[in-house]
PDB file of N, CA and C in Angstrom:
ATOM      1  N   MET A   1     107.171 153.578  35.584  1.00  0.00           N
ATOM      2  CA  MET A   1     108.049 152.578  36.262  1.00  0.00           C
ATOM      3  C   MET A   1     107.945 152.630  37.635  1.00  0.00           C
ATOM      4  N   GLU A   2     107.857 151.719  38.362  1.00  0.00           N
ATOM      5  CA  GLU A   2     107.930 151.658  39.867  1.00  0.00           C
ATOM      6  C   GLU A   2     109.261 151.716  40.631  1.00  0.00           C
ATOM      7  N   ASN A   3     109.212 152.084  41.675  1.00  0.00           N
ATOM      8  CA  ASN A   3     110.601 152.411  42.358  1.00  0.00           C
ATOM      9  C   ASN A   3     111.224 150.992  43.027  1.00  0.00           C
ATOM     10  N   PRO A   4     112.183 150.608  42.422  1.00  0.00           N
ATOM     11  CA  PRO A   4     112.742 149.216  42.850  1.00  0.00           C
ATOM     12  C   PRO A   4     113.211 149.200  44.477  1.00  0.00           C
ATOM     13  N   HIS A   5     113.250 150.334  44.862  1.00  0.00           N
ATOM     14  CA  HIS A   5     113.855 150.698  46.452  1.00  0.00           C
ATOM     15  C   HIS A   5     112.498 150.460  47.168  1.00  0.00           C
ATOM     16  N   ALA A   6     111.460 150.947  46.652  1.00  0.00           N
ATOM     17  CA  ALA A   6     110.245 150.749  47.219  1.00  0.00           C
ATOM     18  C   ALA A   6     109.614 149.316  47.442  1.00  0.00           C
ATOM     19  N   GLU A   7     109.850 148.450  46.308  1.00  0.00           N
ATOM     20  CA  GLU A   7     109.393 147.230  46.269  1.00  0.00           C
ATOM     21  C   GLU A   7     110.363 146.417  47.180  1.00  0.00           C
ATOM     22  N   ARG A   8     111.552 146.648  47.138  1.00  0.00           N
ATOM     23  CA  ARG A   8     112.524 145.796  47.960  1.00  0.00           C
ATOM     24  C   ARG A   8     112.222 146.145  49.395  1.00  0.00           C
ATOM     25  N   GLN A   9     111.614 147.485  49.724  1.00  0.00           N
ATOM     26  CA  GLN A   9     111.369 147.962  51.176  1.00  0.00           C
ATOM     27  C   GLN A   9     110.022 147.006  51.470  1.00  0.00           C
ATOM     28  N   ALA A  10     109.104 146.895  50.456  1.00  0.00           N
ATOM     29  CA  ALA A  10     107.859 146.071  50.725  1.00  0.00           C
ATOM     30  C   ALA A  10     108.110 144.721  51.118  1.00  0.00           C
ATOM     31  N   VAL A  11     109.041 144.076  50.392  1.00  0.00           N
ATOM     32  CA  VAL A  11     109.424 142.772  50.582  1.00  0.00           C
ATOM     33  C   VAL A  11     109.929 142.550  51.813  1.00  0.00           C
ATOM     34  N   LEU A  12     110.894 143.217  52.371  1.00  0.00           N
ATOM     35  CA  LEU A  12     111.705 143.186  53.466  1.00  0.00           C
ATOM     36  C   LEU A  12     110.642 143.307  54.518  1.00  0.00           C
ATOM     37  N   LEU A  13     109.755 144.295  54.504  1.00  0.00           N
ATOM     38  CA  LEU A  13     108.606 144.653  55.619  1.00  0.00           C
ATOM     39  C   LEU A  13     107.834 143.406  55.675  1.00  0.00           C
ATOM     40  N   GLU A  14     107.350 142.642  54.418  1.00  0.00           N
ATOM     41  CA  GLU A  14     106.596 141.817  54.334  1.00  0.00           C
ATOM     42  C   GLU A  14     107.396 140.386  55.286  1.00  0.00           C
ATOM     43  N   ARG A  15     108.567 140.419  55.116  1.00  0.00           N
ATOM     44  CA  ARG A  15     109.080 139.269  55.772  1.00  0.00           C
ATOM     45  C   ARG A  15     109.379 139.442  57.245  1.00  0.00           C
ATOM     46  N   ILE A  16     109.606 141.027  57.594  1.00  0.00           N
ATOM     47  CA  ILE A  16     109.709 141.412  58.956  1.00  0.00           C
ATOM     48  C   ILE A  16     108.395 141.124  59.811  1.00  0.00           C
ATOM     49  N   LEU A  17     107.237 141.431  59.118  1.00  0.00           N
ATOM     50  CA  LEU A  17     105.923 141.031  59.681  1.00  0.00           C
ATOM     51  C   LEU A  17     105.784 139.511  59.759  1.00  0.00           C
ATOM     52  N   LYS A  18     105.951 138.867  58.857  1.00  0.00           N
ATOM     53  CA  LYS A  18     105.816 137.212  59.078  1.00  0.00           C
ATOM     54  C   LYS A  18     106.652 136.947  60.028  1.00  0.00           C
ATOM     55  N   ASN A  19     107.990 137.263  60.248  1.00  0.00           N
ATOM     56  CA  ASN A  19     109.031 136.668  61.445  1.00  0.00           C
ATOM     57  C   ASN A  19     108.381 137.016  62.724  1.00  0.00           C
ATOM     58  N   THR A  20     107.709 138.267  62.705  1.00  0.00           N
ATOM     59  CA  THR A  20     107.030 138.974  64.026  1.00  0.00           C
ATOM     60  C   THR A  20     106.043 138.243  64.309  1.00  0.00           C
ATOM     61  N   SER A  21     105.259 137.660  63.338  1.00  0.00           N
ATOM     62  CA  SER A  21     104.065 137.069  63.775  1.00  0.00           C
ATOM     63  C   SER A  21     104.456 135.349  64.323  1.00  0.00           C
ATOM     64  N   LYS A  22     105.393 135.093  63.560  1.00  0.00           N
ATOM     65  CA  LYS A  22     105.782 133.680  64.092  1.00  0.00           C
ATOM     66  C   LYS A  22     106.522 133.831  65.584  1.00  0.00           C
ATOM     67  N   CYS A  23     107.367 134.893  65.622  1.00  0.00           N
ATOM     68  CA  CYS A  23     107.876 134.938  66.973  1.00  0.00           C
ATOM     69  C   CYS A  23     106.898 135.097  68.046  1.00  0.00           C
ATOM     70  N   THR A  24     105.521 136.075  67.771  1.00  0.00           N
ATOM     71  CA  THR A  24     104.681 136.184  68.786  1.00  0.00           C
ATOM     72  C   THR A  24     104.058 134.936  69.165  1.00  0.00           C
ATOM     73  N   GLU A  25     103.738 134.054  68.031  1.00  0.00           N
ATOM     74  CA  GLU A  25     103.091 132.803  68.281  1.00  0.00           C
ATOM     75  C   GLU A  25     103.796 131.866  69.140  1.00  0.00           C
ATOM     76  N   THR A  26     105.158 131.748  68.884  1.00  0.00           N
ATOM     77  CA  THR A  26     105.951 131.238  69.781  1.00  0.00           C
ATOM     78  C   THR A  26     106.268 131.489  71.072  1.00  0.00           C
ATOM     79  N   ILE A  27     106.012 132.894  71.420  1.00  0.00           N
ATOM     80  CA  ILE A  27     106.143 133.488  72.931  1.00  0.00           C
ATOM     81  C   ILE A  27     104.848 133.101  73.469  1.00  0.00           C
ATOM     82  N   LEU A  28     103.744 133.068  72.673  1.00  0.00           N
ATOM     83  CA  LEU A  28     102.302 132.781  73.312  1.00  0.00           C
ATOM     84  C   LEU A  28     102.302 131.264  73.948  1.00  0.00           C
ATOM     85  N   GLU A  29     102.938 130.435  72.872  1.00  0.00           N
ATOM     86  CA  GLU A  29     103.049 129.111  73.240  1.00  0.00           C
ATOM     87  C   GLU A  29     104.070 128.880  74.323  1.00  0.00           C
ATOM     88  N   LEU A  30     105.224 129.624  74.662  1.00  0.00           N
ATOM     89  CA  LEU A  30     105.896 129.542  75.652  1.00  0.00           C
ATOM     90  C   LEU A  30     105.314 129.961  77.151  1.00  0.00           C
ATOM     91  N   ASN A  31     104.494 130.953  76.860  1.00  0.00           N
ATOM     92  CA  ASN A  31     103.736 131.381  78.047  1.00  0.00           C
ATOM     93  C   ASN A  31     102.906 130.224  78.565  1.00  0.00           C
ATOM     94  N   LYS A  32     102.200 129.823  77.567  1.00  0.00           N
ATOM     95  CA  LYS A  32     101.265 128.757  77.818  1.00  0.00           C
ATOM     96  C   LYS A  32     102.030 127.531  78.625  1.00  0.00           C
ATOM     97  N   ASN A  33     103.056 127.304  78.046  1.00  0.00           N
ATOM     98  CA  ASN A  33     103.747 126.097  78.823  1.00  0.00           C
ATOM     99  C   ASN A  33     104.417 126.622  80.117  1.00  0.00           C
ATOM    100  N   LEU A  34     105.002 127.728  80.247  1.00  0.00           N
ATOM    101  CA  LEU A  34     105.300 128.318  81.448  1.00  0.00           C
ATOM    102  C   LEU A  34     104.067 128.191  82.408  1.00  0.00           C
ATOM    103  N   GLU A  35     103.158 128.360  82.086  1.00  0.00           N
ATOM    104  CA  GLU A  35     101.916 128.609  83.025  1.00  0.00           C
ATOM    105  C   GLU A  35     101.632 127.070  83.435  1.00  0.00           C
ATOM    106  N   GLU A  36     101.553 126.190  82.614  1.00  0.00           N
ATOM    107  CA  GLU A  36     101.531 124.701  82.989  1.00  0.00           C
ATOM    108  C   GLU A  36     102.586 124.117  84.088  1.00  0.00           C
ATOM    109  N   ILE A  37     103.757 124.646  83.777  1.00  0.00           N
ATOM    110  CA  ILE A  37     104.878 124.303  84.684  1.00  0.00           C
ATOM    111  C   ILE A  37     104.820 125.286  86.064  1.00  0.00           C
ATOM    112  N   VAL A  38     104.344 126.243  86.135  1.00  0.00           N
ATOM    113  CA  VAL A  38     104.128 127.086  87.076  1.00  0.00           C
ATOM    114  C   VAL A  38     102.865 126.078  88.104  1.00  0.00           C
ATOM    115  N   GLN A  39     101.830 125.708  87.513  1.00  0.00           N
ATOM    116  CA  GLN A  39     100.615 125.272  88.089  1.00  0.00           C
ATOM    117  C   GLN A  39     101.333 123.908  88.320  1.00  0.00           C
ATOM    118  N   ALA A  40     102.107 123.091  87.937  1.00  0.00           N
ATOM    119  CA  ALA A  40     102.442 121.589  88.223  1.00  0.00           C
ATOM    120  C   ALA A  40     103.456 121.853  89.490  1.00  0.00           C
ATOM    121  N   ASN A  41     104.301 123.010  89.398  1.00  0.00           N
ATOM    122  CA  ASN A  41     105.255 123.265  90.621  1.00  0.00           C
ATOM    123  C   ASN A  41     104.345 123.542  91.904  1.00  0.00           C
ATOM    124  N   TYR A  42     103.215 124.212  91.654  1.00  0.00           N
ATOM    125  CA  TYR A  42     102.472 124.522  92.702  1.00  0.00           C
ATOM    126  C   TYR A  42     101.901 123.534  93.787  1.00  0.00           C
ATOM    127  N   HIS A  43     101.609 122.382  92.660  1.00  0.00           N
ATOM    128  CA  HIS A  43     100.837 121.144  93.349  1.00  0.00           C
ATOM    129  C   HIS A  43     102.112 120.396  94.087  1.00  0.00           C
ATOM    130  N   LEU A  44     103.238 120.395  93.423  1.00  0.00           N
ATOM    131  CA  LEU A  44     104.413 119.829  93.987  1.00  0.00           C
ATOM    132  C   LEU A  44     104.846 120.339  95.115  1.00  0.00           C
ATOM    133  N   GLN A  45     104.765 121.880  95.273  1.00  0.00           N
ATOM    134  CA  GLN A  45     105.252 122.375  96.613  1.00  0.00           C
ATOM    135  C   GLN A  45     104.281 122.135  97.736  1.00  0.00           C
ATOM    136  N   THR A  46     103.125 122.112  97.241  1.00  0.00           N
ATOM    137  CA  THR A  46     102.020 121.761  98.228  1.00  0.00           C
ATOM    138  C   THR A  46     102.406 120.348  98.775  1.00  0.00           C
ATOM    139  N   ALA A  47     102.473 119.387  98.057  1.00  0.00           N
ATOM    140  CA  ALA A  47     102.698 117.943  98.551  1.00  0.00           C
ATOM    141  C   ALA A  47     104.131 117.938  99.419  1.00  0.00           C
ATOM    142  N   ALA A  48     105.256 118.903  98.962  1.00  0.00           N
ATOM    143  CA  ALA A  48     106.391 118.879  99.625  1.00  0.00           C
ATOM    144  C   ALA A  48     106.174 119.228 101.049  1.00  0.00           C
ATOM    145  N   ASN A  49     105.590 120.429 101.016  1.00  0.00           N
ATOM    146  CA  ASN A  49     104.922 121.006 102.389  1.00  0.00           C
ATOM    147  C   ASN A  49     104.355 120.083 103.449  1.00  0.00           C
ATOM    148  N   LEU A  50     103.547 119.269 102.802  1.00  0.00           N
ATOM    149  CA  LEU A  50     102.803 118.408 103.578  1.00  0.00           C
ATOM    150  C   LEU A  50     103.406 117.235 104.047  1.00  0.00           C
ATOM    151  N   SER A  51     104.538 116.807 103.182  1.00  0.00           N
ATOM    152  CA  SER A  51     105.273 115.652 103.477  1.00  0.00           C
ATOM    153  C   SER A  51     106.306 116.078 104.450  1.00  0.00           C
ATOM    154  N   MET A  52     106.864 117.304 104.604  1.00  0.00           N
ATOM    155  CA  MET A  52     107.712 118.017 105.499  1.00  0.00           C
ATOM    156  C   MET A  52     107.050 118.094 107.149  1.00  0.00           C
ATOM    157  N   GLN A  53     105.884 118.517 106.804  1.00  0.00           N
ATOM    158  CA  GLN A  53     105.109 118.762 108.163  1.00  0.00           C
ATOM    159  C   GLN A  53     104.661 117.469 108.802  1.00  0.00           C
ATOM    160  N   TYR A  54     104.513 116.405 107.693  1.00  0.00           N
ATOM    161  CA  TYR A  54     104.351 114.933 108.388  1.00  0.00           C
ATOM    162  C   TYR A  54     105.467 114.705 109.153  1.00  0.00           C
ATOM    163  N   ARG A  55     106.645 114.608 108.495  1.00  0.00           N
ATOM    164  CA  ARG A  55     107.833 114.278 108.934  1.00  0.00           C
ATOM    165  C   ARG A  55     108.146 114.971 110.464  1.00  0.00           C
ATOM    166  N   LYS A  56     108.025 116.149 110.407  1.00  0.00           N
ATOM    167  CA  LYS A  56     108.198 116.922 111.591  1.00  0.00           C
ATOM    168  C   LYS A  56     107.417 116.357 112.797  1.00  0.00           C
ATOM    169  N   ASN A  57     105.982 116.111 112.433  1.00  0.00           N
ATOM    170  CA  ASN A  57     105.230 115.724 113.440  1.00  0.00           C
ATOM    171  C   ASN A  57     105.473 114.300 113.932  1.00  0.00           C
ATOM    172  N   VAL A  58     106.074 113.397 113.110  1.00  0.00           N
ATOM    173  CA  VAL A  58     106.569 112.078 113.365  1.00  0.00           C
ATOM    174  C   VAL A  58     107.511 112.212 114.127  1.00  0.00           C
ATOM    175  N   GLN A  59     108.537 112.996 113.853  1.00  0.00           N
ATOM    176  CA  GLN A  59     109.812 113.293 114.794  1.00  0.00           C
ATOM    177  C   GLN A  59     109.176 113.674 116.133  1.00  0.00           C
ATOM    178  N   TYR A  60     108.324 114.703 116.284  1.00  0.00           N
ATOM    179  CA  TYR A  60     108.039 115.037 117.524  1.00  0.00           C
ATOM    180  C   TYR A  60     107.097 114.150 118.276  1.00  0.00           C
ATOM    181  N   ASN A  61     106.392 113.207 117.627  1.00  0.00           N
ATOM    182  CA  ASN A  61     105.665 112.145 118.393  1.00  0.00           C
ATOM    183  C   ASN A  61     106.713 111.098 118.804  1.00  0.00           C
ATOM    184  N   LEU A  62     107.595 110.863 118.118  1.00  0.00           N
ATOM    185  CA  LEU A  62     108.854 109.756 118.625  1.00  0.00           C
ATOM    186  C   LEU A  62     109.416 110.462 119.617  1.00  0.00           C
ATOM    187  N   SER A  63     109.825 111.704 119.589  1.00  0.00           N
ATOM    188  CA  SER A  63     110.525 112.301 120.760  1.00  0.00           C
ATOM    189  C   SER A  63     109.597 112.142 122.057  1.00  0.00           C
ATOM    190  N   SER A  64     108.425 112.344 121.898  1.00  0.00           N
ATOM    191  CA  SER A  64     107.610 112.468 123.140  1.00  0.00           C
ATOM    192  C   SER A  64     107.333 111.079 123.337  1.00  0.00           C
ATOM    193  N   ALA A  65     107.188 110.112 122.681  1.00  0.00           N
ATOM    194  CA  ALA A  65     107.199 108.696 122.999  1.00  0.00           C
ATOM    195  C   ALA A  65     108.294 108.206 123.843  1.00  0.00           C
ATOM    196  N   LYS A  66     109.448 108.561 123.418  1.00  0.00           N
ATOM    197  CA  LYS A  66     110.640 108.270 124.036  1.00  0.00           C
ATOM    198  C   LYS A  66     110.780 108.985 125.293  1.00  0.00           C
ATOM    199  N   GLY A  67     110.516 110.039 125.390  1.00  0.00           N
ATOM    200  CA  GLY A  67     110.475 110.810 126.933  1.00  0.00           C
ATOM    201  C   GLY A  67     109.395 110.219 127.891  1.00  0.00           C
ATOM    202  N   HIS A  68     108.269 109.687 127.151  1.00  0.00           N
ATOM    203  CA  HIS A  68     107.280 108.919 128.178  1.00  0.00           C
ATOM    204  C   HIS A  68     107.933 107.376 128.528  1.00  0.00           C
ATOM    205  N   THR A  69     108.574 106.843 127.555  1.00  0.00           N
ATOM    206  CA  THR A  69     109.081 105.584 127.936  1.00  0.00           C
ATOM    207  C   THR A  69     110.406 105.694 128.811  1.00  0.00           C
ATOM    208  N   GLN A  70     111.115 106.709 129.043  1.00  0.00           N
ATOM    209  CA  GLN A  70     112.219 106.802 129.919  1.00  0.00           C
ATOM    210  C   GLN A  70     111.715 107.373 131.178  1.00  0.00           C
ATOM    211  N   HIS A  71     110.514 107.859 131.198  1.00  0.00           N
ATOM    212  CA  HIS A  71     109.803 108.352 132.675  1.00  0.00           C
ATOM    213  C   HIS A  71     109.404 107.429 133.130  1.00  0.00           C
ATOM    214  N   ARG A  72     108.795 106.330 132.606  1.00  0.00           N
ATOM    215  CA  ARG A  72     108.073 104.911 133.004  1.00  0.00           C
ATOM    216  C   ARG A  72     109.346 104.268 133.764  1.00  0.00           C
ATOM    217  N   ALA A  73     110.482 104.219 133.210  1.00  0.00           N
ATOM    218  CA  ALA A  73     111.478 103.293 133.621  1.00  0.00           C
ATOM    219  C   ALA A  73     112.014 103.257 134.743  1.00  0.00           C
TER     220      ALA A  73
END
């Protein structure tokens, strides 16, 4: 006669392993998605930096142009 306690432990262990495996798969998928988000944010940050620098350059050039116009008058 087999030990019912050992059978129950085996069933529980099997469930734990199955759930752990599912959890691991989910975490791997989450990591993959987070990597994609980080990559997308990197490109977005680059575009934002370029846009901000362009705006600063435009402001500087407009200020310079105003100064030149005032000196000529």
